[in-house]
Amino acid sequence: MSALLLRNATVVDVRAGGLSAGTDVLIENRKISAVGPALPAPPGAEMVEASSRYVVPGFNDMHAHPLGQPGQVGATLELMLAHGITGFRQMHGDLSLLRARANGELRLPKASPALLAMPGPLLTMLNTATPEETAETVRTQVAAGADFVKSAAMTAESFFDAQAEALRLGVPIVGHLPAGLDVLRASKIGMRSIEHFGSGLGVLGCCDGHSEIPATGDQRLRLPSFRLPFADRILAAVLRRIVLNPVQLNKPADLALLDEAVRHYDEGRARELGERFAADGTWHVPTLIRQKTSKLCDDPGFPADQDLRYMTPATRRTWDGAVKRFARFSPADREILRASHRYEYYLAKTFDEAGVRMLVGTDSSGAVWIVPGAGLHDEIDLLAEAGLAPLTLLRMLTVNAAEFLQATATMGTVEPGREADLVLLGANPLDDAANLHRITGVVRAGTFYSEQQLSTLKDRLVRTVS
């Protein structure tokens, strides 16, 4: 591969928030080899004039599900790259995917973000029925190469069994918060990241000023704990429907709990909880866009979104069906859902102020109204609306992901030795979070994609789904 030289760029220091104008970035063998003014160009190097552009590390979607979508994986990954995503954390997996990766058989398109981490099958009541089965499930996944294990639909007791075995084996546990979980205990022991504020009632239920012990309440995902023929297939179908819009599962009792959590929300308790998460090193991935599309599913703005042109007719029909099912909620139910979503913005801001480390994620691929790639930019806007500063958002997209993955030596900053995964922006991202949308080029594994090439890629993806 020939060298690539970005000439006269303004390089953004995502740690300190500084700018270095008139700086060259030299890329050789898929890595950044030098950063500085007036670098000599190696023979045959591709030259890109970047005098009016800001160079930042590539964006990372740290909660996504592009793999395991038959017939759509390649297009989904290309769409993510076209929106500046150069890395993603796959949030569900299976043993065959882990084996394929281990054997070098996980065929991804060239114009694809890097797969940064992946678990095995989700931890549910079907594979964590007893302490012995829970430990064996975790051991099997780790032996197959899982980077982490993910809690999805399990009891509080089995969560702690899984957490103990995962930590014993040196892998993190992440995911949803089971009903009734002692969140402070899970955090102190070493839960690596909480997704969607815990999902369901989740962390919001821990901010009740009337409660002495922060716990996630009694709202729970109901799955059978017994074995049935073809149980894995049945579970996969159930989980697809859950992923589409988990709010649909809410019963009146669940909504009553959510309403109570909103009415008794205590800012001081939320801040105290955030400080504990920060001290314990428990990260959060808010996925506000996921919460919005689930809880405001029939918002007329969603079907009017121009980014729907990237989705197949079958997907759009599925999403339309989710809206029809959402119609069962009464006006009072919908107000509870809207109110709980508003408080998730407060949580994001409070946790940020309390020092909680956070990442940007979307839950794209399967979730209603979330377009892969474009959903990351929707998430940026919602986090900005919550009050997070532009530099904070840039860090969440880049160096925070590297720190979370313990990979700062290879990613997350524009420095020699890092993987050549970069985004070129047409305006200063430190001035306004909206400038994170102004992508004028992407470098992925040393290959430069111009703004025109990215536009052509998007146009091609539109044609393939029409």
Protein backbone atom coordinates (compact mmCIF):
# COMPACT_ATOMS: atom_id res chain seq x y z
CA MET A 1 0.00 0.00 0.00
CA SER A 2 1.37 3.42 -0.96
CA ALA A 3 1.80 6.15 1.61
CA LEU A 4 -0.81 8.83 2.20
CA LEU A 5 0.05 12.41 3.16
CA LEU A 6 -2.58 14.82 4.50
CA ARG A 7 -1.03 18.23 3.84
CA ASN A 8 -1.55 21.45 5.86
CA ALA A 9 -4.40 20.19 8.02
CA THR A 10 -5.49 21.49 11.40
CA VAL A 11 -5.02 18.53 13.75
CA VAL A 12 -7.28 18.44 16.80
CA ASP A 13 -5.81 17.30 20.10
CA VAL A 14 -8.81 15.48 21.56
CA ARG A 15 -7.22 15.20 25.00
CA ALA A 16 -6.26 18.83 25.61
CA GLY A 17 -8.73 20.42 23.20
CA GLY A 18 -5.97 22.18 21.26
CA LEU A 19 -5.50 22.86 17.55
CA SER A 20 -2.33 22.51 15.46
CA ALA A 21 -2.72 24.36 12.16
CA GLY A 22 -0.49 23.81 9.16
CA THR A 23 0.21 20.22 10.19
CA ASP A 24 0.88 17.24 7.95
CA VAL A 25 -0.18 13.69 8.78
CA LEU A 26 1.86 10.94 7.12
CA ILE A 27 0.33 7.47 6.88
CA GLU A 28 2.33 4.38 5.97
CA ASN A 29 1.38 0.72 6.21
CA ARG A 30 -2.05 1.59 7.62
CA LYS A 31 -0.59 3.52 10.54
CA ILE A 32 0.19 7.14 11.29
CA SER A 33 3.96 7.36 10.97
CA ALA A 34 4.52 11.08 11.52
CA VAL A 35 2.63 14.26 12.46
CA GLY A 36 4.18 17.68 12.01
CA PRO A 37 4.76 20.65 9.69
CA ALA A 38 6.23 20.27 6.18
CA LEU A 39 6.81 16.53 6.29
CA PRO A 40 8.67 15.09 3.28
CA ALA A 41 6.45 13.03 1.01
CA PRO A 42 7.66 9.46 0.34
CA PRO A 43 7.97 8.51 -3.33
CA GLY A 44 4.61 7.68 -4.83
CA ALA A 45 2.63 8.93 -1.83
CA GLU A 46 -0.99 9.95 -2.34
CA MET A 47 -1.30 13.66 -1.51
CA VAL A 48 -4.45 15.19 -0.03
CA GLU A 49 -4.60 18.95 0.41
CA ALA A 50 -6.30 19.53 3.76
CA SER A 51 -5.57 23.20 4.44
CA SER A 52 -9.19 24.03 5.26
CA ARG A 53 -9.96 20.87 7.17
CA TYR A 54 -9.78 19.63 10.74
CA VAL A 55 -8.38 16.14 11.31
CA VAL A 56 -9.76 14.11 14.21
CA PRO A 57 -9.59 10.42 15.11
CA GLY A 58 -12.24 8.23 13.53
CA PHE A 59 -15.64 8.01 15.19
CA ASN A 60 -16.64 4.86 17.07
CA ASP A 61 -20.17 3.51 17.53
CA MET A 62 -19.78 1.70 20.83
CA HIS A 63 -23.19 0.04 20.83
CA ALA A 64 -24.24 -1.40 17.48
CA HIS A 65 -25.51 -4.67 15.99
CA PRO A 66 -24.44 -4.75 12.31
CA LEU A 67 -23.25 -8.37 12.32
CA GLY A 68 -25.73 -11.19 12.23
CA GLN A 69 -28.15 -9.38 9.90
CA PRO A 70 -28.40 -11.83 6.94
CA GLY A 71 -27.95 -10.15 3.57
CA GLN A 72 -27.45 -6.68 5.04
CA VAL A 73 -24.09 -6.80 6.82
CA GLY A 74 -21.96 -5.42 4.00
CA ALA A 75 -24.28 -2.54 3.15
CA THR A 76 -24.75 -1.65 6.82
CA LEU A 77 -21.01 -1.50 7.46
CA GLU A 78 -20.39 0.61 4.36
CA LEU A 79 -23.14 3.00 5.43
CA MET A 80 -21.51 3.34 8.84
CA LEU A 81 -18.14 4.16 7.28
CA ALA A 82 -19.74 6.70 4.94
CA HIS A 83 -20.88 8.56 8.08
CA GLY A 84 -17.40 8.68 9.60
CA ILE A 85 -17.58 5.56 11.77
CA THR A 86 -14.23 3.77 11.64
CA GLY A 87 -14.81 1.36 14.53
CA PHE A 88 -17.72 -0.35 16.28
CA ARG A 89 -18.41 -2.53 19.30
CA GLN A 90 -20.68 -5.39 18.26
CA MET A 91 -23.21 -5.86 21.05
CA HIS A 92 -24.50 -9.34 20.37
CA GLY A 93 -22.72 -12.35 19.03
CA ASP A 94 -22.75 -16.11 18.79
CA LEU A 95 -20.16 -18.84 18.95
CA SER A 96 -20.01 -19.19 15.15
CA LEU A 97 -19.16 -15.49 14.77
CA LEU A 98 -16.45 -15.79 17.42
CA ARG A 99 -15.00 -18.84 15.66
CA ALA A 100 -15.07 -17.09 12.29
CA ARG A 101 -13.18 -14.13 13.73
CA ALA A 102 -10.63 -16.39 15.43
CA ASN A 103 -10.04 -18.25 12.16
CA GLY A 104 -9.76 -15.10 10.06
CA GLU A 105 -12.98 -15.98 8.23
CA LEU A 106 -15.08 -13.00 9.25
CA ARG A 107 -15.32 -11.41 5.83
CA LEU A 108 -16.10 -7.71 6.07
CA PRO A 109 -16.09 -5.27 3.11
CA LYS A 110 -13.01 -3.13 2.58
CA ALA A 111 -15.04 0.03 3.22
CA SER A 112 -15.96 -1.14 6.70
CA PRO A 113 -15.33 0.10 10.22
CA ALA A 114 -13.09 -2.06 12.36
CA LEU A 115 -14.73 -4.62 14.63
CA LEU A 116 -13.41 -3.49 18.00
CA ALA A 117 -15.00 -5.99 20.37
CA MET A 118 -17.69 -8.69 20.40
CA PRO A 119 -19.40 -10.94 22.95
CA GLY A 120 -20.87 -14.40 22.64
CA PRO A 121 -24.62 -15.07 22.96
CA LEU A 122 -26.56 -12.75 25.23
CA LEU A 123 -26.94 -13.84 28.83
CA THR A 124 -30.62 -14.66 29.42
CA MET A 125 -32.70 -16.83 31.71
CA LEU A 126 -32.28 -19.65 29.20
CA ASN A 127 -28.51 -19.95 29.66
CA THR A 128 -28.19 -18.75 33.27
CA ALA A 129 -30.86 -20.83 35.02
CA THR A 130 -28.50 -22.06 37.76
CA PRO A 131 -25.18 -20.84 39.15
CA GLU A 132 -23.44 -23.81 37.55
CA GLU A 133 -25.00 -23.17 34.13
CA THR A 134 -24.22 -19.46 34.38
CA ALA A 135 -20.54 -20.13 35.07
CA GLU A 136 -20.37 -22.67 32.25
CA THR A 137 -22.03 -20.25 29.81
CA VAL A 138 -19.47 -17.59 30.63
CA ARG A 139 -16.55 -20.03 30.40
CA THR A 140 -17.71 -21.29 27.00
CA GLN A 141 -17.95 -17.77 25.61
CA VAL A 142 -14.58 -16.70 26.94
CA ALA A 143 -12.96 -19.86 25.59
CA ALA A 144 -14.41 -19.02 22.17
CA GLY A 145 -12.77 -15.58 22.29
CA ALA A 146 -15.51 -13.29 23.61
CA ASP A 147 -14.12 -9.86 24.53
CA PHE A 148 -16.89 -9.36 27.09
CA VAL A 149 -20.12 -10.94 28.26
CA LYS A 150 -23.40 -9.09 27.97
CA SER A 151 -26.28 -9.17 30.42
CA ALA A 152 -29.61 -9.02 28.61
CA ALA A 153 -32.51 -10.80 30.33
CA MET A 154 -31.47 -12.51 33.54
CA THR A 155 -32.16 -12.37 37.25
CA ALA A 156 -30.19 -10.24 39.68
CA GLU A 157 -28.83 -13.40 41.29
CA SER A 158 -27.58 -14.87 38.02
CA PHE A 159 -26.08 -11.50 37.09
CA PHE A 160 -23.75 -11.63 40.08
CA ASP A 161 -22.90 -15.28 39.30
CA ALA A 162 -21.98 -14.25 35.74
CA GLN A 163 -20.08 -11.20 36.93
CA ALA A 164 -17.99 -13.24 39.34
CA GLU A 165 -17.05 -15.82 36.70
CA ALA A 166 -16.32 -13.21 34.03
CA LEU A 167 -14.05 -11.22 36.33
CA ARG A 168 -12.32 -14.42 37.44
CA LEU A 169 -11.53 -15.09 33.78
CA GLY A 170 -10.39 -11.52 33.17
CA VAL A 171 -13.20 -10.32 30.88
CA PRO A 172 -15.69 -7.51 31.62
CA ILE A 173 -19.42 -7.81 32.00
CA VAL A 174 -21.57 -5.11 30.39
CA GLY A 175 -25.15 -4.57 29.39
CA HIS A 176 -28.60 -4.20 30.88
CA LEU A 177 -29.48 -4.07 34.57
CA PRO A 178 -31.70 -6.92 35.78
CA ALA A 179 -34.77 -6.03 37.82
CA GLY A 180 -34.08 -5.56 41.49
CA LEU A 181 -30.32 -5.35 41.04
CA ASP A 182 -28.24 -3.64 43.71
CA VAL A 183 -26.58 -1.29 41.24
CA LEU A 184 -23.97 0.02 43.65
CA ARG A 185 -22.82 -3.52 44.40
CA ALA A 186 -22.57 -4.36 40.69
CA SER A 187 -20.64 -1.15 40.05
CA LYS A 188 -18.26 -1.64 42.97
CA ILE A 189 -17.48 -5.24 41.99
CA GLY A 190 -16.63 -4.13 38.47
CA MET A 191 -19.44 -3.78 35.92
CA ARG A 192 -17.61 -2.31 32.96
CA SER A 193 -20.43 -0.49 31.19
CA ILE A 194 -24.15 0.07 31.59
CA GLU A 195 -26.05 0.34 28.30
CA HIS A 196 -29.16 2.51 27.71
CA PHE A 197 -29.02 3.65 31.36
CA GLY A 198 -29.73 0.03 32.24
CA SER A 199 -32.69 -0.48 29.87
CA GLY A 200 -36.27 -0.56 31.10
CA LEU A 201 -36.59 1.20 34.43
CA GLY A 202 -32.83 0.85 34.90
CA VAL A 203 -30.79 3.63 36.48
CA LEU A 204 -33.77 5.98 36.53
CA GLY A 205 -35.28 3.72 39.18
CA CYS A 206 -32.16 4.22 41.29
CA CYS A 207 -32.67 7.99 41.52
CA ASP A 208 -35.77 7.77 43.68
CA GLY A 209 -35.27 10.12 46.61
CA HIS A 210 -37.78 8.09 48.66
CA SER A 211 -35.67 4.91 48.50
CA GLU A 212 -32.74 4.09 50.78
CA ILE A 213 -31.00 1.59 48.49
CA PRO A 214 -30.44 2.40 44.79
CA ALA A 215 -31.95 -0.55 42.93
CA THR A 216 -33.58 -0.98 39.55
CA GLY A 217 -37.10 -1.64 40.80
CA ASP A 218 -39.30 -4.57 39.85
CA GLN A 219 -39.80 -3.91 36.14
CA ARG A 220 -38.46 -6.93 34.33
CA LEU A 221 -38.24 -8.56 30.94
CA ARG A 222 -40.27 -11.75 31.09
CA LEU A 223 -38.79 -14.77 29.34
CA PRO A 224 -39.44 -18.46 30.06
CA SER A 225 -36.78 -20.05 32.24
CA PHE A 226 -37.54 -23.58 31.03
CA ARG A 227 -36.21 -25.43 28.01
CA LEU A 228 -38.31 -26.00 24.93
CA PRO A 229 -37.57 -27.71 21.59
CA PHE A 230 -35.85 -25.20 19.32
CA ALA A 231 -35.60 -22.81 22.30
CA ASP A 232 -32.68 -20.94 20.73
CA ARG A 233 -34.71 -20.15 17.62
CA ILE A 234 -37.69 -19.08 19.69
CA LEU A 235 -35.46 -16.86 21.81
CA ALA A 236 -33.84 -15.32 18.72
CA ALA A 237 -37.28 -14.39 17.36
CA VAL A 238 -38.35 -12.95 20.71
CA LEU A 239 -35.15 -10.94 21.01
CA ARG A 240 -35.55 -9.51 17.49
CA ARG A 241 -38.95 -8.20 18.48
CA ILE A 242 -37.55 -6.85 21.74
CA VAL A 243 -34.69 -5.14 19.92
CA LEU A 244 -37.18 -3.55 17.52
CA ASN A 245 -38.87 -1.71 20.39
CA PRO A 246 -38.57 -3.01 23.97
CA VAL A 247 -41.11 -0.43 25.15
CA GLN A 248 -43.82 -2.54 23.53
CA LEU A 249 -43.36 -5.08 26.33
CA ASN A 250 -44.41 -2.61 29.02
CA LYS A 251 -47.48 -3.58 30.98
CA PRO A 252 -49.53 -1.14 33.11
CA ALA A 253 -47.52 -2.12 36.18
CA ASP A 254 -44.28 -1.32 34.37
CA LEU A 255 -45.56 2.09 33.31
CA ALA A 256 -46.69 2.77 36.87
CA LEU A 257 -43.15 2.08 38.10
CA LEU A 258 -41.75 4.37 35.44
CA ASP A 259 -44.18 7.10 36.40
CA GLU A 260 -43.23 6.74 40.06
CA ALA A 261 -39.53 6.98 39.19
CA VAL A 262 -40.12 10.22 37.29
CA ARG A 263 -42.28 11.77 40.01
CA HIS A 264 -39.76 10.90 42.74
CA TYR A 265 -36.63 11.69 40.73
CA ASP A 266 -34.04 13.30 42.98
CA GLU A 267 -31.23 15.29 41.38
CA GLY A 268 -29.03 14.85 44.44
CA ARG A 269 -29.47 11.08 44.36
CA ALA A 270 -28.66 11.03 40.64
CA ARG A 271 -25.48 13.03 41.21
CA GLU A 272 -24.46 10.81 44.13
CA LEU A 273 -25.02 7.75 41.96
CA GLY A 274 -22.96 9.29 39.17
CA GLU A 275 -20.11 9.99 41.56
CA ARG A 276 -20.13 6.35 42.62
CA PHE A 277 -20.06 5.19 39.00
CA ALA A 278 -17.16 7.54 38.34
CA ALA A 279 -15.21 6.30 41.36
CA ASP A 280 -15.82 2.65 40.46
CA GLY A 281 -14.93 3.10 36.78
CA THR A 282 -18.38 2.05 35.57
CA TRP A 283 -18.92 3.52 32.11
CA HIS A 284 -22.24 4.47 30.52
CA VAL A 285 -23.50 4.36 26.94
CA PRO A 286 -26.70 6.47 27.04
CA THR A 287 -28.03 5.72 23.50
CA LEU A 288 -30.48 8.61 23.78
CA ILE A 289 -31.52 8.07 20.16
CA ARG A 290 -32.52 4.51 21.03
CA GLN A 291 -34.53 5.74 23.99
CA LYS A 292 -36.20 8.40 21.85
CA THR A 293 -37.21 6.14 18.97
CA SER A 294 -38.57 3.56 21.41
CA LYS A 295 -40.48 5.88 23.74
CA LEU A 296 -41.68 8.31 21.07
CA CYS A 297 -42.12 5.67 18.41
CA ASP A 298 -45.02 7.35 16.59
CA ASP A 299 -43.35 10.77 16.34
CA PRO A 300 -44.18 11.96 12.79
CA GLY A 301 -40.61 13.15 12.34
CA PHE A 302 -39.28 9.59 12.14
CA PRO A 303 -41.03 8.44 8.92
CA ALA A 304 -40.17 11.83 7.34
CA ASP A 305 -36.43 11.31 7.92
CA GLN A 306 -34.54 11.54 4.61
CA ASP A 307 -32.06 8.92 5.84
CA LEU A 308 -34.76 6.26 5.49
CA ARG A 309 -33.74 6.09 1.84
CA TYR A 310 -30.90 3.81 2.97
CA MET A 311 -33.24 1.23 4.48
CA THR A 312 -34.86 -1.65 2.62
CA PRO A 313 -38.62 -1.66 2.01
CA ALA A 314 -38.88 -4.71 4.30
CA THR A 315 -37.22 -2.83 7.14
CA ARG A 316 -39.45 0.18 6.66
CA ARG A 317 -42.53 -2.05 6.74
CA THR A 318 -41.29 -3.58 9.99
CA TRP A 319 -40.84 -0.13 11.48
CA ASP A 320 -44.30 0.93 10.32
CA GLY A 321 -45.64 -2.16 12.06
CA ALA A 322 -43.92 -1.11 15.28
CA VAL A 323 -45.73 2.23 15.08
CA LYS A 324 -49.09 0.48 14.71
CA ARG A 325 -48.39 -1.65 17.78
CA PHE A 326 -47.34 1.47 19.69
CA ALA A 327 -50.87 2.82 19.18
CA ARG A 328 -52.09 0.62 22.03
CA PHE A 329 -50.61 3.06 24.53
CA SER A 330 -53.05 5.62 25.91
CA PRO A 331 -52.28 9.37 25.95
CA ALA A 332 -51.44 9.05 29.66
CA ASP A 333 -49.08 6.14 28.93
CA ARG A 334 -47.33 8.15 26.26
CA GLU A 335 -46.86 11.09 28.57
CA ILE A 336 -45.13 8.78 31.07
CA LEU A 337 -42.82 7.53 28.32
CA ARG A 338 -42.09 11.08 27.13
CA ALA A 339 -41.39 12.26 30.66
CA SER A 340 -39.03 9.36 31.37
CA HIS A 341 -37.15 10.17 28.19
CA ARG A 342 -36.75 13.80 29.27
CA TYR A 343 -35.18 12.63 32.50
CA GLU A 344 -32.66 10.58 30.54
CA TYR A 345 -31.31 13.87 29.19
CA TYR A 346 -30.96 15.06 32.78
CA LEU A 347 -29.14 11.83 33.67
CA ALA A 348 -26.68 12.29 30.80
CA LYS A 349 -25.86 15.83 31.89
CA THR A 350 -25.69 14.99 35.60
CA PHE A 351 -23.48 11.96 35.03
CA ASP A 352 -21.17 14.02 32.82
CA GLU A 353 -20.85 16.65 35.53
CA ALA A 354 -20.21 13.91 38.11
CA GLY A 355 -17.28 12.56 36.08
CA VAL A 356 -18.90 9.41 34.70
CA ARG A 357 -17.01 8.16 31.64
CA MET A 358 -19.36 7.82 28.70
CA LEU A 359 -19.35 6.51 25.13
CA VAL A 360 -21.47 7.17 22.05
CA GLY A 361 -23.68 4.32 20.89
CA THR A 362 -26.82 3.93 18.81
CA ASP A 363 -28.19 0.36 19.06
CA SER A 364 -28.48 0.49 15.26
CA SER A 365 -29.37 -2.53 13.08
CA GLY A 366 -32.70 -3.86 14.26
CA ALA A 367 -33.86 -0.96 16.45
CA VAL A 368 -36.87 0.97 15.16
CA TRP A 369 -36.15 4.22 13.26
CA ILE A 370 -32.36 4.09 13.79
CA VAL A 371 -30.46 4.23 10.49
CA PRO A 372 -26.92 2.81 10.77
CA GLY A 373 -24.32 5.55 10.50
CA ALA A 374 -26.84 8.38 10.46
CA GLY A 375 -28.02 7.31 13.91
CA LEU A 376 -24.62 8.22 15.36
CA HIS A 377 -25.12 11.81 14.22
CA ASP A 378 -28.62 11.82 15.70
CA GLU A 379 -27.06 10.68 18.99
CA ILE A 380 -24.52 13.50 18.83
CA ASP A 381 -27.35 16.02 18.47
CA LEU A 382 -29.31 14.59 21.39
CA LEU A 383 -26.28 14.55 23.68
CA ALA A 384 -25.56 18.15 22.70
CA GLU A 385 -29.19 18.98 23.46
CA ALA A 386 -28.68 17.40 26.89
CA GLY A 387 -25.93 19.95 27.50
CA LEU A 388 -22.70 18.05 26.82
CA ALA A 389 -19.90 20.25 25.45
CA PRO A 390 -18.48 19.77 21.92
CA LEU A 391 -15.09 18.60 23.24
CA THR A 392 -16.80 16.13 25.55
CA LEU A 393 -18.70 14.68 22.59
CA LEU A 394 -15.56 14.48 20.47
CA ARG A 395 -13.79 12.62 23.26
CA MET A 396 -16.73 10.24 23.68
CA LEU A 397 -16.51 9.40 19.97
CA THR A 398 -12.74 8.88 19.94
CA VAL A 399 -10.30 8.74 22.84
CA ASN A 400 -12.91 7.56 25.34
CA ALA A 401 -13.54 4.52 23.18
CA ALA A 402 -9.81 3.83 23.09
CA GLU A 403 -9.52 4.17 26.86
CA PHE A 404 -12.54 1.94 27.43
CA LEU A 405 -10.98 -0.75 25.23
CA GLN A 406 -7.54 -0.20 26.80
CA ALA A 407 -6.25 0.52 23.29
CA THR A 408 -4.85 4.05 23.55
CA ALA A 409 -1.55 2.88 22.06
CA THR A 410 -3.30 2.07 18.77
CA MET A 411 -6.38 4.30 18.46
CA GLY A 412 -8.21 7.35 19.70
CA THR A 413 -5.73 10.16 18.92
CA VAL A 414 -3.90 11.60 15.90
CA GLU A 415 -0.39 10.52 16.86
CA PRO A 416 2.37 8.37 15.38
CA GLY A 417 1.84 4.67 15.93
CA ARG A 418 -1.95 4.85 15.89
CA GLU A 419 -4.08 3.07 13.33
CA ALA A 420 -4.79 5.33 10.36
CA ASP A 421 -8.50 5.75 11.09
CA LEU A 422 -9.35 9.44 10.76
CA VAL A 423 -12.16 11.84 9.94
CA LEU A 424 -11.67 15.15 8.11
CA LEU A 425 -14.13 17.88 9.06
CA GLY A 426 -14.98 21.09 7.24
CA ALA A 427 -15.29 23.20 10.41
CA ASN A 428 -13.89 23.31 13.94
CA PRO A 429 -15.57 20.60 16.07
CA LEU A 430 -14.54 22.39 19.26
CA ASP A 431 -16.72 25.38 18.37
CA ASP A 432 -19.97 23.55 17.79
CA ALA A 433 -21.04 19.91 18.03
CA ALA A 434 -22.89 20.40 14.72
CA ASN A 435 -19.49 20.58 13.02
CA LEU A 436 -19.01 16.88 13.81
CA HIS A 437 -21.49 16.28 10.98
CA ARG A 438 -19.43 18.19 8.40
CA ILE A 439 -17.43 15.21 7.16
CA THR A 440 -15.26 15.99 4.13
CA GLY A 441 -13.20 12.82 4.11
CA VAL A 442 -12.49 9.59 5.96
CA VAL A 443 -9.31 7.57 6.30
CA ARG A 444 -9.85 3.93 7.15
CA ALA A 445 -6.87 1.61 7.58
CA GLY A 446 -4.78 4.01 5.51
CA THR A 447 -7.23 4.32 2.60
CA PHE A 448 -8.55 7.81 1.92
CA TYR A 449 -12.21 8.30 0.97
CA SER A 450 -12.93 11.78 -0.35
CA GLU A 451 -16.18 13.60 0.24
CA GLN A 452 -17.19 12.75 -3.31
CA GLN A 453 -16.36 9.08 -2.84
CA LEU A 454 -18.40 8.98 0.37
CA SER A 455 -21.32 10.60 -1.44
CA THR A 456 -21.03 8.08 -4.29
CA LEU A 457 -20.97 5.23 -1.77
CA LYS A 458 -24.16 6.53 -0.16
CA ASP A 459 -25.84 6.89 -3.55
CA ARG A 460 -24.93 3.32 -4.41
CA LEU A 461 -26.38 2.06 -1.15
CA VAL A 462 -29.63 3.92 -1.87
CA ARG A 463 -29.88 2.19 -5.27
CA THR A 464 -29.34 -1.26 -3.75
CA VAL A 465 -32.36 -0.93 -1.42
CA SER A 466 -34.74 0.80 -3.84
